[in-house]
Amino acid sequence: MSWEGMNRRKFPRANFPCLVKLSFSSDLSDAFLTHTENISTGGLCVILKRGLDLQTRVDLEIDLMDGENHILCQGKVVWVVRRKATDVLKPIGYDMGIEYVNITEDEVKRVKRIVEYIVKNEQRVML
């Protein structure tokens, strides 16, 4: 999938670097602590040192840094893009799009509040 295709998104995204613990098995040695590149009510983009296969199911623990409990849900990998070695600002690794699988309605509302707040304030800065 090209970046152009990914920019035609169903859900608005906010550049919000919240912390995410991601695991894909009951073995805790397979857990990764990372952060988001962006987040939406439909999913998030995380940065990992190694890529995962498409459709891989993962367990997510998302810290929205809003003073409330972490969001615990599952997700599935829907796209993976390897970063170019020539990108000076970002380390070599993988950007990975993860769609939420079983997030609660209340948790979606929390994410939506944050996304709307960030998008609104980014628009003010650009004016």
C-alpha atoms as a PDB file:
ATOM      1  CA  MET A   1       0.000   0.000   0.000  1.00  0.00           C
ATOM      2  CA  SER A   2       1.331   3.451  -0.853  1.00  0.00           C
ATOM      3  CA  TRP A   3       1.372   6.404   1.524  1.00  0.00           C
ATOM      4  CA  GLU A   4      -1.124   8.094  -0.826  1.00  0.00           C
ATOM      5  CA  GLY A   5      -3.596   5.281  -0.191  1.00  0.00           C
ATOM      6  CA  MET A   6      -3.121   5.517   3.548  1.00  0.00           C
ATOM      7  CA  ASN A   7      -3.870   9.253   3.485  1.00  0.00           C
ATOM      8  CA  ARG A   8      -7.446   8.534   2.387  1.00  0.00           C
ATOM      9  CA  ARG A   9      -8.416   7.478   5.867  1.00  0.00           C
ATOM     10  CA  LYS A  10     -11.790   6.639   7.287  1.00  0.00           C
ATOM     11  CA  PHE A  11     -10.960   8.134  10.707  1.00  0.00           C
ATOM     12  CA  PRO A  12      -9.273  11.496  11.400  1.00  0.00           C
ATOM     13  CA  ARG A  13      -5.862  11.035  12.970  1.00  0.00           C
ATOM     14  CA  ALA A  14      -3.987  13.119  15.487  1.00  0.00           C
ATOM     15  CA  ASN A  15      -0.238  13.289  15.878  1.00  0.00           C
ATOM     16  CA  PHE A  16      -0.149  12.156  19.483  1.00  0.00           C
ATOM     17  CA  PRO A  17       2.816  10.204  20.873  1.00  0.00           C
ATOM     18  CA  CYS A  18       1.156   8.178  23.639  1.00  0.00           C
ATOM     19  CA  LEU A  19       2.771   5.077  25.119  1.00  0.00           C
ATOM     20  CA  VAL A  20       1.720   1.619  23.930  1.00  0.00           C
ATOM     21  CA  LYS A  21       2.607  -1.836  25.197  1.00  0.00           C
ATOM     22  CA  LEU A  22       2.073  -4.331  22.412  1.00  0.00           C
ATOM     23  CA  SER A  23       2.279  -8.114  22.668  1.00  0.00           C
ATOM     24  CA  PHE A  24       1.201 -10.926  20.407  1.00  0.00           C
ATOM     25  CA  SER A  25       1.493 -13.985  22.593  1.00  0.00           C
ATOM     26  CA  SER A  26       1.161 -14.945  26.234  1.00  0.00           C
ATOM     27  CA  ASP A  27       4.966 -14.971  26.421  1.00  0.00           C
ATOM     28  CA  LEU A  28       5.907 -11.607  27.970  1.00  0.00           C
ATOM     29  CA  SER A  29       9.263 -11.711  26.184  1.00  0.00           C
ATOM     30  CA  ASP A  30       7.275 -10.897  23.037  1.00  0.00           C
ATOM     31  CA  ALA A  31       6.051  -7.586  24.513  1.00  0.00           C
ATOM     32  CA  PHE A  32       7.182  -4.268  23.035  1.00  0.00           C
ATOM     33  CA  LEU A  33       7.011  -0.845  24.646  1.00  0.00           C
ATOM     34  CA  THR A  34       6.671   1.811  21.975  1.00  0.00           C
ATOM     35  CA  HIS A  35       4.757   4.982  21.182  1.00  0.00           C
ATOM     36  CA  THR A  36       2.245   6.045  18.620  1.00  0.00           C
ATOM     37  CA  GLU A  37       3.055   8.037  15.531  1.00  0.00           C
ATOM     38  CA  ASN A  38      -0.630   8.962  15.400  1.00  0.00           C
ATOM     39  CA  ILE A  39      -3.949   7.777  16.809  1.00  0.00           C
ATOM     40  CA  SER A  40      -7.604   7.696  15.763  1.00  0.00           C
ATOM     41  CA  THR A  41     -10.869   6.178  16.929  1.00  0.00           C
ATOM     42  CA  GLY A  42     -10.312   3.313  14.489  1.00  0.00           C
ATOM     43  CA  GLY A  43      -6.719   2.451  15.286  1.00  0.00           C
ATOM     44  CA  LEU A  44      -3.198   3.720  15.694  1.00  0.00           C
ATOM     45  CA  CYS A  45       0.193   3.775  14.055  1.00  0.00           C
ATOM     46  CA  VAL A  46       3.077   2.480  16.144  1.00  0.00           C
ATOM     47  CA  ILE A  47       6.800   2.352  15.526  1.00  0.00           C
ATOM     48  CA  LEU A  48       8.614  -0.972  15.980  1.00  0.00           C
ATOM     49  CA  LYS A  49      12.150  -2.172  15.330  1.00  0.00           C
ATOM     50  CA  ARG A  50      10.817  -5.228  13.508  1.00  0.00           C
ATOM     51  CA  GLY A  51       7.798  -5.744  11.317  1.00  0.00           C
ATOM     52  CA  LEU A  52       4.867  -8.013  12.039  1.00  0.00           C
ATOM     53  CA  ASP A  53       2.857  -9.900   9.439  1.00  0.00           C
ATOM     54  CA  LEU A  54      -0.398  -8.428   8.176  1.00  0.00           C
ATOM     55  CA  GLN A  55      -3.457  -9.607  10.105  1.00  0.00           C
ATOM     56  CA  THR A  56      -1.340 -10.467  13.170  1.00  0.00           C
ATOM     57  CA  ARG A  57      -3.534 -10.161  16.272  1.00  0.00           C
ATOM     58  CA  VAL A  58      -1.964  -8.162  19.091  1.00  0.00           C
ATOM     59  CA  ASP A  59      -2.847  -7.202  22.642  1.00  0.00           C
ATOM     60  CA  LEU A  60      -2.628  -3.465  23.269  1.00  0.00           C
ATOM     61  CA  GLU A  61      -2.227  -1.425  26.431  1.00  0.00           C
ATOM     62  CA  ILE A  62      -2.543   2.252  25.533  1.00  0.00           C
ATOM     63  CA  ASP A  63      -1.648   5.070  27.925  1.00  0.00           C
ATOM     64  CA  LEU A  64      -3.469   8.168  26.676  1.00  0.00           C
ATOM     65  CA  MET A  65      -1.749  10.205  29.421  1.00  0.00           C
ATOM     66  CA  ASP A  66      -5.110  11.672  30.416  1.00  0.00           C
ATOM     67  CA  GLY A  67      -5.000  10.541  34.038  1.00  0.00           C
ATOM     68  CA  GLU A  68      -7.399   7.649  33.436  1.00  0.00           C
ATOM     69  CA  ASN A  69      -6.734   3.909  33.281  1.00  0.00           C
ATOM     70  CA  HIS A  70      -4.855   2.493  30.331  1.00  0.00           C
ATOM     71  CA  ILE A  71      -6.973   1.188  27.478  1.00  0.00           C
ATOM     72  CA  LEU A  72      -6.710  -2.595  27.212  1.00  0.00           C
ATOM     73  CA  CYS A  73      -7.897  -4.015  23.901  1.00  0.00           C
ATOM     74  CA  GLN A  74      -6.852  -6.140  20.989  1.00  0.00           C
ATOM     75  CA  GLY A  75      -5.930  -5.091  17.501  1.00  0.00           C
ATOM     76  CA  LYS A  76      -4.781  -6.446  14.179  1.00  0.00           C
ATOM     77  CA  VAL A  77      -1.974  -5.286  11.942  1.00  0.00           C
ATOM     78  CA  VAL A  78      -3.498  -3.800   8.778  1.00  0.00           C
ATOM     79  CA  TRP A  79      -0.421  -2.247   7.143  1.00  0.00           C
ATOM     80  CA  VAL A  80       3.353  -2.216   7.561  1.00  0.00           C
ATOM     81  CA  VAL A  81       5.861   0.189   5.992  1.00  0.00           C
ATOM     82  CA  ARG A  82       9.606  -0.166   6.453  1.00  0.00           C
ATOM     83  CA  ARG A  83      11.329   3.134   7.076  1.00  0.00           C
ATOM     84  CA  LYS A  84      14.109   4.129   4.730  1.00  0.00           C
ATOM     85  CA  ALA A  85      17.661   4.013   6.052  1.00  0.00           C
ATOM     86  CA  THR A  86      18.165   7.527   4.654  1.00  0.00           C
ATOM     87  CA  ASP A  87      15.584   9.089   6.975  1.00  0.00           C
ATOM     88  CA  VAL A  88      17.730  11.054   9.422  1.00  0.00           C
ATOM     89  CA  LEU A  89      14.916  12.099  11.759  1.00  0.00           C
ATOM     90  CA  LYS A  90      13.457   8.629  12.294  1.00  0.00           C
ATOM     91  CA  PRO A  91      15.403   5.490  13.196  1.00  0.00           C
ATOM     92  CA  ILE A  92      15.304   2.444  10.952  1.00  0.00           C
ATOM     93  CA  GLY A  93      12.274   0.388  11.803  1.00  0.00           C
ATOM     94  CA  TYR A  94       8.669  -0.103  10.808  1.00  0.00           C
ATOM     95  CA  ASP A  95       5.583   2.049  10.917  1.00  0.00           C
ATOM     96  CA  MET A  96       2.667  -0.253  11.592  1.00  0.00           C
ATOM     97  CA  GLY A  97      -1.059   0.459  11.328  1.00  0.00           C
ATOM     98  CA  ILE A  98      -3.117  -1.404  13.912  1.00  0.00           C
ATOM     99  CA  GLU A  99      -6.900  -1.484  13.814  1.00  0.00           C
ATOM    100  CA  TYR A 100      -8.733  -1.879  17.127  1.00  0.00           C
ATOM    101  CA  VAL A 101     -10.597  -5.181  17.359  1.00  0.00           C
ATOM    102  CA  ASN A 102     -12.461  -5.103  20.657  1.00  0.00           C
ATOM    103  CA  ILE A 103     -12.242  -1.615  22.119  1.00  0.00           C
ATOM    104  CA  THR A 104     -15.214  -0.502  24.220  1.00  0.00           C
ATOM    105  CA  GLU A 105     -17.481   2.371  23.249  1.00  0.00           C
ATOM    106  CA  ASP A 106     -16.354   4.378  26.296  1.00  0.00           C
ATOM    107  CA  GLU A 107     -12.706   3.933  25.326  1.00  0.00           C
ATOM    108  CA  VAL A 108     -13.469   5.048  21.747  1.00  0.00           C
ATOM    109  CA  LYS A 109     -15.084   8.180  23.208  1.00  0.00           C
ATOM    110  CA  ARG A 110     -11.901   8.912  25.206  1.00  0.00           C
ATOM    111  CA  VAL A 111      -9.761   8.574  22.086  1.00  0.00           C
ATOM    112  CA  LYS A 112     -12.216  10.724  20.117  1.00  0.00           C
ATOM    113  CA  ARG A 113     -12.037  13.536  22.708  1.00  0.00           C
ATOM    114  CA  ILE A 114      -8.252  13.584  22.485  1.00  0.00           C
ATOM    115  CA  VAL A 115      -8.179  13.411  18.674  1.00  0.00           C
ATOM    116  CA  GLU A 116     -10.715  16.230  18.338  1.00  0.00           C
ATOM    117  CA  TYR A 117      -8.830  18.391  20.843  1.00  0.00           C
ATOM    118  CA  ILE A 118      -5.490  17.915  19.072  1.00  0.00           C
ATOM    119  CA  VAL A 119      -6.911  18.429  15.568  1.00  0.00           C
ATOM    120  CA  LYS A 120      -8.736  21.593  16.703  1.00  0.00           C
ATOM    121  CA  ASN A 121      -5.583  23.039  18.287  1.00  0.00           C
ATOM    122  CA  GLU A 122      -3.399  22.129  15.285  1.00  0.00           C
ATOM    123  CA  GLN A 123      -5.805  24.060  13.060  1.00  0.00           C
ATOM    124  CA  ARG A 124      -5.503  27.121  15.344  1.00  0.00           C
ATOM    125  CA  VAL A 125      -1.713  27.004  15.159  1.00  0.00           C
ATOM    126  CA  MET A 126      -1.812  26.820  11.356  1.00  0.00           C
ATOM    127  CA  LEU A 127      -4.002  29.976  11.086  1.00  0.00           C
END
